[in-house]
Amino acid sequence: MEKKMIYIVDVTNRDGVQTSRLGLAKLQKTLVNLYLDEMGVTQSEFGFPTTKHEINYLNANLELAERGAIQYTKLSGWMRGIESDVIEAFKNVPKLKVVNLSVSTSDQMIQGKFGGKKDKKDIIASSVKAVKKAYELGAEIVGVNAEDASRTSLEFLIEMAAAVKEAGAKRFRYCDTLGYDSPDMAYNRLREIAEKTGIDLEMHFHNDLGMAVANSVRGAQGAIDGGVNAYINTAINGMGERAGNADLACCILAILKSSGFAGKYQIDPKIDISKIWQIAKYTSYAFGVPLPINYPAVGGNAFAHESGIHADGALKDRRNYELYDYEELGRGEPEVVETGRMITTGEYGGIKGFRDVFEKMSMEFADEDEARNILELVRYANVHTQLPLLDSELKFIYYHPDLALKIMTVIPPFNPSDALKARLEKDYKKTFH
């Protein structure tokens, strides 16, 4: 019998970017997808195909995959589990192949969100219809998400999972939307759904009670022990709404290093943990959220020792006080900080400084025209991100200038009504005062 596997589905670009008062520019979301691919993460939930300002970015990233710049990571779109959203999604992003359809399932949300206009039979019927429509329009993998699954009766989750599986869904996502579950509850519920339905399970845990990682890995155990593959939803650095989502690095290391997992459960062999440090650093920079000094694996003190006993023990044998090696995570290389003259390039940069920056990265231009075209894109990228561009972002623009242009192009639809025109004419002298 084939051994079941734990896979990672990262949701930074869908759920992580919904962190209140924070976000990522489309270029930064693209870099996150490239880093996830380099790390061997099986899937990135890369955005919302029904949201107009996402359309160019989504289509451009699928083109990157066609070019081979994204080789392993599947790019999945998120939408509500209704037929009209599916139709709109494929109209906007025709090359979508992986989708997740989401619907609220708990009594609280059925009443609190739908106001009694829908019941459980309606929710199943709508989800089944949406699954079939997605395949009809070209999807290859369809997953169905049960929002607030942790506050939904187990019987209904099993009924729903069985129904969408029969309609063709490949996965069923158990969403602990409020971070309500405990690890043993997650294990028991996911194992029973697995045993009763045989559908591969995703687990999506929030961190409101500080248990997102524990719930995720314990839920994955339940799915595997129940006989199906497990897909853990993660976010880089634990970003996400309210207290965030299950952290990417912590989930992977818990599976690889903890006593309950190591050697007993198999994670996707494509995962390369040597990329953990660089993806955490980039995402921290892009979001503008420093990594907490005591954060596991990537925090400034994750491998720091001060007390006499600890320092003595670590110096004698790192295994005394370090569970895993910092080199495994891609840490340990010296970081050079320029303290003399610096030439940078940005939204007000000129051609001489621009050429100097790219020459230091050993990147050449065919002629002056090419250099000036790329410079103009770099200027706009700096306006787009409102941060100094990193080498990885500059290299992306250099190698994929046409897609960089597409990713950064956002044209808001604005069709003012007669009433709005009248109000604007009346108020044209007013400001924010």
Protein backbone atom coordinates (compact mmCIF):
# COMPACT_ATOMS: atom_id res chain seq x y z
CA MET A 1 0.00 0.00 0.00
CA GLU A 2 1.35 3.43 -0.99
CA LYS A 3 2.52 5.43 2.00
CA LYS A 4 0.55 8.64 2.46
CA MET A 5 2.39 11.94 2.39
CA ILE A 6 2.27 15.35 4.06
CA TYR A 7 2.36 18.25 1.60
CA ILE A 8 2.55 22.00 2.16
CA VAL A 9 0.06 24.44 0.65
CA ASP A 10 1.23 27.95 1.44
CA VAL A 11 -1.44 30.64 1.71
CA THR A 12 0.73 33.72 2.28
CA ASN A 13 -0.42 35.28 -1.00
CA ARG A 14 -4.10 34.73 -0.20
CA ASP A 15 -4.59 34.68 3.56
CA GLY A 16 -1.28 36.21 4.70
CA VAL A 17 -1.87 39.35 2.62
CA GLN A 18 -5.19 39.81 4.38
CA THR A 19 -3.30 40.74 7.55
CA SER A 20 -4.99 43.92 8.74
CA ARG A 21 -3.09 47.13 7.91
CA LEU A 22 -0.40 45.21 6.01
CA GLY A 23 -0.04 43.68 2.57
CA LEU A 24 2.25 42.89 -0.33
CA ALA A 25 2.67 44.58 -3.69
CA LYS A 26 2.04 42.33 -6.71
CA LEU A 27 5.76 42.19 -7.48
CA GLN A 28 6.42 41.04 -3.91
CA LYS A 29 3.70 38.38 -4.18
CA THR A 30 5.41 37.15 -7.33
CA LEU A 31 8.76 36.90 -5.53
CA VAL A 32 7.06 34.91 -2.76
CA ASN A 33 5.83 32.42 -5.39
CA LEU A 34 9.34 32.13 -6.80
CA TYR A 35 10.83 31.56 -3.34
CA LEU A 36 8.16 28.93 -2.55
CA ASP A 37 8.98 27.14 -5.79
CA GLU A 38 12.69 27.21 -5.01
CA MET A 39 11.87 25.72 -1.60
CA GLY A 40 9.84 22.88 -3.14
CA VAL A 41 6.46 23.82 -1.67
CA THR A 42 3.77 21.89 -3.54
CA GLN A 43 1.22 24.69 -3.87
CA SER A 44 0.84 28.45 -3.44
CA GLU A 45 -2.66 29.83 -3.03
CA PHE A 46 -1.64 32.86 -5.02
CA GLY A 47 -4.70 35.07 -4.95
CA PHE A 48 -8.28 35.90 -5.86
CA PRO A 49 -9.27 35.43 -9.52
CA THR A 50 -12.55 37.29 -8.96
CA THR A 51 -10.75 40.43 -7.70
CA LYS A 52 -10.01 42.87 -10.51
CA HIS A 53 -6.72 44.26 -9.20
CA GLU A 54 -5.32 40.70 -9.01
CA ILE A 55 -6.00 39.74 -12.64
CA ASN A 56 -2.76 40.91 -14.31
CA TYR A 57 -0.65 39.51 -11.50
CA LEU A 58 -2.40 36.13 -11.58
CA ASN A 59 -2.17 35.74 -15.35
CA ALA A 60 1.47 36.83 -15.37
CA ASN A 61 2.40 34.28 -12.70
CA LEU A 62 0.74 31.50 -14.66
CA GLU A 63 2.82 32.65 -17.64
CA LEU A 64 5.91 32.37 -15.43
CA ALA A 65 4.97 28.76 -14.78
CA GLU A 66 4.55 28.16 -18.51
CA ARG A 67 8.05 29.55 -19.08
CA GLY A 68 9.48 27.21 -16.46
CA ALA A 69 10.41 29.98 -14.02
CA ILE A 70 8.01 28.33 -11.56
CA GLN A 71 8.62 24.61 -12.00
CA TYR A 72 7.14 22.68 -9.09
CA THR A 73 4.75 24.86 -7.11
CA LYS A 74 1.15 24.74 -8.37
CA LEU A 75 -0.62 28.11 -8.33
CA SER A 76 -4.16 27.91 -6.98
CA GLY A 77 -6.93 30.49 -6.99
CA TRP A 78 -9.39 31.01 -4.13
CA MET A 79 -13.06 31.87 -4.62
CA ARG A 80 -16.42 31.37 -3.00
CA GLY A 81 -18.03 28.00 -3.62
CA ILE A 82 -20.73 29.34 -5.93
CA GLU A 83 -21.07 28.83 -9.66
CA SER A 84 -21.05 32.55 -10.52
CA ASP A 85 -17.65 33.04 -8.82
CA VAL A 86 -16.21 30.08 -10.73
CA ILE A 87 -17.44 31.50 -14.05
CA GLU A 88 -16.01 34.95 -13.21
CA ALA A 89 -12.68 33.44 -12.09
CA PHE A 90 -12.11 31.54 -15.34
CA LYS A 91 -13.22 34.54 -17.38
CA ASN A 92 -10.56 36.65 -15.67
CA VAL A 93 -7.85 33.97 -15.45
CA PRO A 94 -8.53 31.38 -18.19
CA LYS A 95 -5.40 29.28 -17.56
CA LEU A 96 -6.25 28.43 -13.94
CA LYS A 97 -5.75 24.74 -13.25
CA VAL A 98 -6.03 24.55 -9.46
CA VAL A 99 -8.86 26.15 -7.48
CA ASN A 100 -10.21 26.16 -3.95
CA LEU A 101 -13.91 26.79 -3.43
CA SER A 102 -14.88 28.11 -0.01
CA VAL A 103 -18.20 28.03 1.84
CA SER A 104 -19.24 28.58 5.46
CA THR A 105 -20.50 25.41 7.15
CA SER A 106 -21.10 26.06 10.87
CA ASP A 107 -24.54 26.82 12.31
CA GLN A 108 -23.11 30.09 13.62
CA MET A 109 -22.06 31.25 10.15
CA ILE A 110 -25.06 29.84 8.32
CA GLN A 111 -27.26 31.97 10.55
CA GLY A 112 -24.86 34.85 11.16
CA LYS A 113 -23.74 35.33 7.53
CA PHE A 114 -26.62 33.99 5.45
CA GLY A 115 -29.41 35.07 7.79
CA GLY A 116 -31.38 31.87 7.28
CA LYS A 117 -31.48 32.28 3.49
CA LYS A 118 -29.44 29.08 3.07
CA ASP A 119 -29.48 25.77 4.86
CA LYS A 120 -27.03 22.86 4.85
CA LYS A 121 -28.63 21.23 1.82
CA ASP A 122 -28.21 24.48 -0.12
CA ILE A 123 -24.55 24.66 0.86
CA ILE A 124 -23.82 21.14 -0.37
CA ALA A 125 -25.82 21.67 -3.58
CA SER A 126 -24.03 24.96 -4.31
CA SER A 127 -20.60 23.41 -3.66
CA VAL A 128 -21.30 20.40 -5.89
CA LYS A 129 -22.48 22.68 -8.69
CA ALA A 130 -19.38 24.89 -8.33
CA VAL A 131 -17.03 21.86 -8.42
CA LYS A 132 -18.59 20.58 -11.64
CA LYS A 133 -18.47 24.03 -13.24
CA ALA A 134 -14.76 24.42 -12.37
CA TYR A 135 -13.89 21.16 -14.14
CA GLU A 136 -16.08 22.13 -17.07
CA LEU A 137 -14.07 25.37 -17.46
CA GLY A 138 -10.65 23.71 -17.35
CA ALA A 139 -9.68 23.03 -13.73
CA GLU A 140 -7.53 19.96 -13.07
CA ILE A 141 -7.54 20.00 -9.26
CA VAL A 142 -10.52 21.30 -7.28
CA GLY A 143 -10.58 21.55 -3.50
CA VAL A 144 -13.56 22.49 -1.35
CA ASN A 145 -13.07 24.51 1.82
CA ALA A 146 -15.34 24.25 4.85
CA GLU A 147 -15.05 27.61 6.57
CA ASP A 148 -15.46 27.37 10.35
CA ALA A 149 -15.19 23.58 10.15
CA SER A 150 -14.02 23.40 13.76
CA ARG A 151 -17.43 24.70 14.90
CA THR A 152 -19.33 22.54 12.41
CA SER A 153 -20.83 19.17 13.34
CA LEU A 154 -18.66 16.26 12.31
CA GLU A 155 -21.64 14.53 10.71
CA PHE A 156 -22.24 17.46 8.36
CA LEU A 157 -18.55 17.72 7.44
CA ILE A 158 -18.50 14.03 6.52
CA GLU A 159 -21.70 14.41 4.49
CA MET A 160 -20.30 17.43 2.66
CA ALA A 161 -16.87 15.89 2.03
CA ALA A 162 -18.49 12.77 0.58
CA ALA A 163 -20.76 14.84 -1.68
CA VAL A 164 -18.01 17.02 -3.15
CA LYS A 165 -15.75 14.00 -3.59
CA GLU A 166 -18.47 12.33 -5.63
CA ALA A 167 -18.69 15.52 -7.72
CA GLY A 168 -14.96 15.25 -8.46
CA ALA A 169 -13.26 17.31 -5.75
CA LYS A 170 -9.76 16.04 -5.02
CA ARG A 171 -9.43 17.59 -1.54
CA PHE A 172 -11.53 18.79 1.36
CA ARG A 173 -10.17 21.66 3.48
CA TYR A 174 -10.90 21.68 7.20
CA CYS A 175 -10.73 25.35 8.22
CA ASP A 176 -10.26 26.20 11.88
CA THR A 177 -11.23 29.76 11.05
CA LEU A 178 -11.24 31.07 14.62
CA GLY A 179 -8.33 29.01 15.97
CA TYR A 180 -10.84 27.15 18.12
CA ASP A 181 -9.55 23.57 17.99
CA SER A 182 -7.09 21.80 20.28
CA PRO A 183 -4.49 19.36 18.89
CA ASP A 184 -6.28 16.18 19.96
CA MET A 185 -9.60 17.48 18.66
CA ALA A 186 -7.94 18.28 15.33
CA TYR A 187 -6.47 14.77 15.18
CA ASN A 188 -9.71 12.99 16.02
CA ARG A 189 -11.95 14.98 13.70
CA LEU A 190 -9.63 14.85 10.70
CA ARG A 191 -8.97 11.15 11.18
CA GLU A 192 -12.69 10.39 11.25
CA ILE A 193 -13.37 12.47 8.12
CA ALA A 194 -10.51 10.63 6.38
CA GLU A 195 -11.74 7.19 7.41
CA LYS A 196 -15.36 7.88 6.50
CA THR A 197 -14.77 9.60 3.13
CA GLY A 198 -11.32 8.64 1.78
CA ILE A 199 -10.77 12.14 0.38
CA ASP A 200 -7.38 13.84 0.77
CA LEU A 201 -7.56 16.49 3.49
CA GLU A 202 -6.22 20.00 3.84
CA MET A 203 -5.93 21.57 7.27
CA HIS A 204 -6.12 25.33 7.71
CA PHE A 205 -5.54 26.48 11.28
CA HIS A 206 -5.50 30.00 12.69
CA ASN A 207 -3.45 31.03 15.71
CA ASP A 208 -5.97 32.78 17.99
CA LEU A 209 -5.08 30.46 20.88
CA GLY A 210 -1.45 30.01 19.88
CA MET A 211 -1.99 26.43 18.66
CA ALA A 212 -2.00 26.80 14.86
CA VAL A 213 1.23 24.83 14.31
CA ALA A 214 0.36 22.15 16.89
CA ASN A 215 -3.12 21.75 15.43
CA SER A 216 -1.77 21.59 11.88
CA VAL A 217 0.78 18.86 12.47
CA ARG A 218 -1.54 16.88 14.74
CA GLY A 219 -4.32 17.22 12.18
CA ALA A 220 -1.94 15.94 9.51
CA GLN A 221 -1.27 12.90 11.68
CA GLY A 222 -5.02 12.29 11.85
CA ALA A 223 -5.38 12.47 8.09
CA ILE A 224 -2.43 10.14 7.47
CA ASP A 225 -3.57 7.67 10.14
CA GLY A 226 -7.01 7.81 8.54
CA GLY A 227 -5.52 6.68 5.24
CA VAL A 228 -5.33 9.85 3.12
CA ASN A 229 -2.74 12.44 2.12
CA ALA A 230 -2.47 15.56 4.29
CA TYR A 231 -2.02 19.10 2.96
CA ILE A 232 -1.03 21.59 5.67
CA ASN A 233 -1.90 25.22 4.95
CA THR A 234 0.90 27.54 6.09
CA ALA A 235 1.88 31.19 5.88
CA ILE A 236 5.45 32.46 5.89
CA ASN A 237 6.31 33.91 9.31
CA GLY A 238 2.80 33.03 10.46
CA MET A 239 1.22 36.02 8.71
CA GLY A 240 -2.56 36.22 8.40
CA GLU A 241 -5.72 37.68 9.80
CA ARG A 242 -5.87 38.47 13.52
CA ALA A 243 -3.17 36.31 15.20
CA GLY A 244 -2.15 34.75 11.88
CA ASN A 245 -1.87 31.30 10.33
CA ALA A 246 0.32 28.27 10.97
CA ASP A 247 3.94 29.21 10.31
CA LEU A 248 5.61 27.59 7.29
CA ALA A 249 9.01 26.94 8.88
CA CYS A 250 7.60 25.72 12.21
CA CYS A 251 5.25 23.22 10.57
CA ILE A 252 8.01 21.76 8.39
CA LEU A 253 10.52 21.53 11.24
CA ALA A 254 7.94 19.99 13.58
CA ILE A 255 7.39 17.19 11.06
CA LEU A 256 11.09 16.68 10.38
CA LYS A 257 12.50 17.10 13.88
CA SER A 258 9.94 16.47 16.63
CA SER A 259 9.86 13.17 18.50
CA GLY A 260 6.30 12.41 17.42
CA PHE A 261 7.03 12.81 13.71
CA ALA A 262 10.67 12.26 12.81
CA GLY A 263 11.00 9.05 10.83
CA LYS A 264 7.32 8.17 11.32
CA TYR A 265 5.52 10.51 8.93
CA GLN A 266 6.76 11.44 5.48
CA ILE A 267 6.83 15.00 4.20
CA ASP A 268 7.06 15.88 0.52
CA PRO A 269 10.70 15.05 -0.36
CA LYS A 270 10.87 18.14 -2.61
CA ILE A 271 10.91 20.39 0.47
CA ASP A 272 14.31 22.08 0.84
CA ILE A 273 14.68 23.48 4.36
CA SER A 274 17.91 25.26 3.40
CA LYS A 275 15.65 27.93 1.88
CA ILE A 276 13.82 28.68 5.14
CA TRP A 277 16.09 31.57 6.15
CA GLN A 278 15.94 33.45 2.85
CA ILE A 279 12.16 33.15 2.44
CA ALA A 280 11.56 34.30 6.01
CA LYS A 281 13.91 37.28 5.57
CA TYR A 282 12.36 38.34 2.27
CA THR A 283 8.79 38.10 3.55
CA SER A 284 9.67 40.01 6.71
CA TYR A 285 11.16 42.80 4.57
CA ALA A 286 8.26 42.86 2.11
CA PHE A 287 5.59 43.03 4.82
CA GLY A 288 7.64 45.44 6.93
CA VAL A 289 7.26 43.16 9.96
CA PRO A 290 10.53 42.34 11.78
CA LEU A 291 11.05 38.73 12.84
CA PRO A 292 10.61 38.46 16.63
CA ILE A 293 13.99 37.88 18.27
CA ASN A 294 12.72 34.68 19.95
CA TYR A 295 11.01 33.25 16.86
CA PRO A 296 11.78 29.55 16.20
CA ALA A 297 14.38 28.82 13.51
CA VAL A 298 14.61 32.35 12.06
CA GLY A 299 14.58 34.67 15.09
CA GLY A 300 17.74 36.51 16.08
CA ASN A 301 18.09 34.43 19.25
CA ALA A 302 17.14 31.04 17.77
CA PHE A 303 20.78 29.94 18.02
CA ALA A 304 22.05 32.41 20.64
CA HIS A 305 23.44 31.25 24.00
CA GLU A 306 24.35 33.50 26.92
CA SER A 307 24.03 31.71 30.26
CA GLY A 308 27.26 30.07 31.38
CA ILE A 309 25.90 26.54 31.40
CA HIS A 310 24.30 26.88 27.97
CA ALA A 311 27.26 28.60 26.35
CA ASP A 312 29.69 26.03 27.76
CA GLY A 313 27.49 23.14 26.63
CA ALA A 314 26.92 24.54 23.13
CA LEU A 315 30.64 25.15 22.64
CA LYS A 316 31.48 21.60 23.68
CA ASP A 317 28.83 20.03 21.46
CA ARG A 318 26.09 22.01 19.70
CA ARG A 319 23.72 19.08 20.22
CA ASN A 320 23.65 19.88 23.93
CA TYR A 321 21.48 22.93 23.33
CA GLU A 322 20.53 22.98 19.64
CA LEU A 323 17.94 20.59 18.24
CA TYR A 324 18.88 21.26 14.63
CA ASP A 325 21.69 23.06 12.83
CA TYR A 326 21.40 26.64 11.62
CA GLU A 327 23.27 25.64 8.45
CA GLU A 328 20.35 23.36 7.54
CA LEU A 329 18.13 26.43 7.31
CA GLY A 330 20.49 28.41 5.11
CA ARG A 331 21.78 30.49 8.03
CA GLY A 332 25.37 31.19 8.95
CA GLU A 333 26.69 32.99 5.89
CA PRO A 334 28.14 36.41 6.76
CA GLU A 335 26.04 39.37 5.62
CA VAL A 336 28.08 42.25 4.26
CA VAL A 337 26.85 45.73 5.16
CA GLU A 338 28.30 48.54 3.07
CA THR A 339 29.68 51.32 5.26
CA GLY A 340 31.35 53.40 2.55
CA ARG A 341 30.04 54.75 -0.75
CA MET A 342 26.76 53.22 -1.90
CA ILE A 343 25.16 53.53 -5.31
CA THR A 344 21.51 52.54 -5.34
CA THR A 345 18.72 52.74 -7.87
CA GLY A 346 15.05 53.54 -7.42
CA GLU A 347 12.20 55.72 -8.62
CA TYR A 348 14.52 58.74 -9.11
CA GLY A 349 17.59 56.79 -10.20
CA GLY A 350 19.62 57.66 -13.29
CA ILE A 351 21.25 55.49 -15.94
CA LYS A 352 24.81 55.67 -14.54
CA GLY A 353 23.86 54.53 -11.04
CA PHE A 354 21.49 51.94 -12.49
CA ARG A 355 24.23 50.43 -14.64
CA ASP A 356 26.62 50.33 -11.68
CA VAL A 357 24.08 48.39 -9.58
CA PHE A 358 23.47 45.82 -12.33
CA GLU A 359 27.15 45.46 -13.22
CA LYS A 360 27.86 44.51 -9.60
CA MET A 361 25.36 41.66 -10.08
CA SER A 362 27.19 40.67 -13.32
CA MET A 363 24.15 41.55 -15.44
CA GLU A 364 24.77 43.16 -18.80
CA PHE A 365 22.59 44.92 -21.38
CA ALA A 366 22.65 44.45 -25.15
CA ASP A 367 22.54 48.21 -25.76
CA GLU A 368 21.61 51.56 -24.25
CA ASP A 369 17.98 51.19 -25.30
CA GLU A 370 17.61 47.94 -23.35
CA ALA A 371 19.25 49.47 -20.28
CA ARG A 372 16.95 52.49 -20.31
CA ASN A 373 13.87 50.29 -20.72
CA ILE A 374 14.82 48.17 -17.74
CA LEU A 375 15.69 51.31 -15.74
CA GLU A 376 12.19 52.65 -16.36
CA LEU A 377 10.68 49.39 -15.08
CA VAL A 378 12.92 49.53 -12.00
CA ARG A 379 11.75 53.08 -11.31
CA TYR A 380 8.12 52.03 -11.51
CA ALA A 381 8.81 48.94 -9.40
CA ASN A 382 10.18 51.19 -6.66
CA VAL A 383 7.01 53.29 -6.83
CA HIS A 384 4.99 50.04 -6.82
CA THR A 385 6.59 48.54 -3.68
CA GLN A 386 7.53 51.80 -1.92
CA LEU A 387 10.65 50.00 -0.68
CA PRO A 388 14.23 49.85 -1.95
CA LEU A 389 14.39 46.96 -4.41
CA LEU A 390 16.36 43.88 -3.40
CA ASP A 391 18.72 42.03 -5.74
CA SER A 392 16.15 39.26 -6.21
CA GLU A 393 13.53 41.78 -7.38
CA LEU A 394 15.98 43.53 -9.71
CA LYS A 395 16.98 40.18 -11.22
CA PHE A 396 13.34 39.25 -11.78
CA ILE A 397 12.75 42.52 -13.66
CA TYR A 398 15.91 41.90 -15.72
CA TYR A 399 14.94 38.37 -16.77
CA HIS A 400 11.17 38.91 -17.14
CA PRO A 401 10.63 42.58 -18.00
CA ASP A 402 7.43 41.94 -19.95
CA LEU A 403 5.82 40.08 -17.04
CA ALA A 404 7.12 42.63 -14.53
CA LEU A 405 5.29 45.28 -16.54
CA LYS A 406 2.11 43.21 -16.54
CA ILE A 407 2.32 42.45 -12.81
CA MET A 408 2.69 46.13 -11.92
CA THR A 409 -0.12 47.30 -14.21
CA VAL A 410 -3.31 47.97 -12.27
CA ILE A 411 -6.07 50.09 -13.84
CA PRO A 412 -8.96 50.77 -11.47
CA PRO A 413 -12.40 50.57 -13.11
CA PHE A 414 -14.08 53.93 -12.55
CA ASN A 415 -17.45 54.67 -14.16
CA PRO A 416 -19.05 57.50 -12.20
CA SER A 417 -22.83 57.70 -12.12
CA ASP A 418 -24.67 60.95 -12.79
CA ALA A 419 -25.22 61.35 -9.04
CA LEU A 420 -21.49 60.97 -8.36
CA LYS A 421 -20.62 63.44 -11.13
CA ALA A 422 -23.00 65.95 -9.60
CA ARG A 423 -21.48 65.49 -6.15
CA LEU A 424 -17.94 65.85 -7.51
CA GLU A 425 -18.87 69.04 -9.33
CA LYS A 426 -20.41 70.44 -6.16
CA ASP A 427 -17.52 69.43 -3.87
CA TYR A 428 -14.54 69.99 -6.16
CA LYS A 429 -13.00 72.66 -3.92
CA LYS A 430 -13.15 70.57 -0.76
CA THR A 431 -10.11 68.77 0.67
CA PHE A 432 -9.58 66.48 3.61
CA HIS A 433 -9.85 69.36 6.10
